[in-house]
Amino acid sequence: MRVLGDEDLHDYVHKYKLTIPKDAKKLMKGQDFVKVPWTTFVNDRNKHLCSAESLDLLDKMLKYDKNTRITPKDAMAHAYFHPIREFV
C-alpha cells in the first residue's frame, strides 16, 4: 500500500465484495496511502536501467486486481522486450 496506494485497494475490495483482514485494518487505521509514481524510484544510480517502457510494464504488472494485470503472454509482447526480439 505504501507504493500502490490504498484507493485502488479499496476499489478492488469493493469490486469483489472482499474484506480486509483485521490485522491489516489495524495497520491502515488513521493513515492515507497515496499512490507513488514509479518515476519516484528512479535516481542517478539506476536511471540507466529505467526506461519509459520498463516503468510502463512494471505498472501493468503490479496491480491489486489480478484481472486487470497484464497477462504473461501480453507482458512478453510488451515494448520493453522489443530490443531483444532480434536475438530470438
Foldseek 3Di string as FASTA:
>chain_A
DLAQWCPLVVVVCVVVVHDDDPVVCVVCPPDGRDHDQPCVPDDPVCVVVDDPQVSVLVVLQDHPDPVSHDDPVVSCVGPVCVVCPVVD
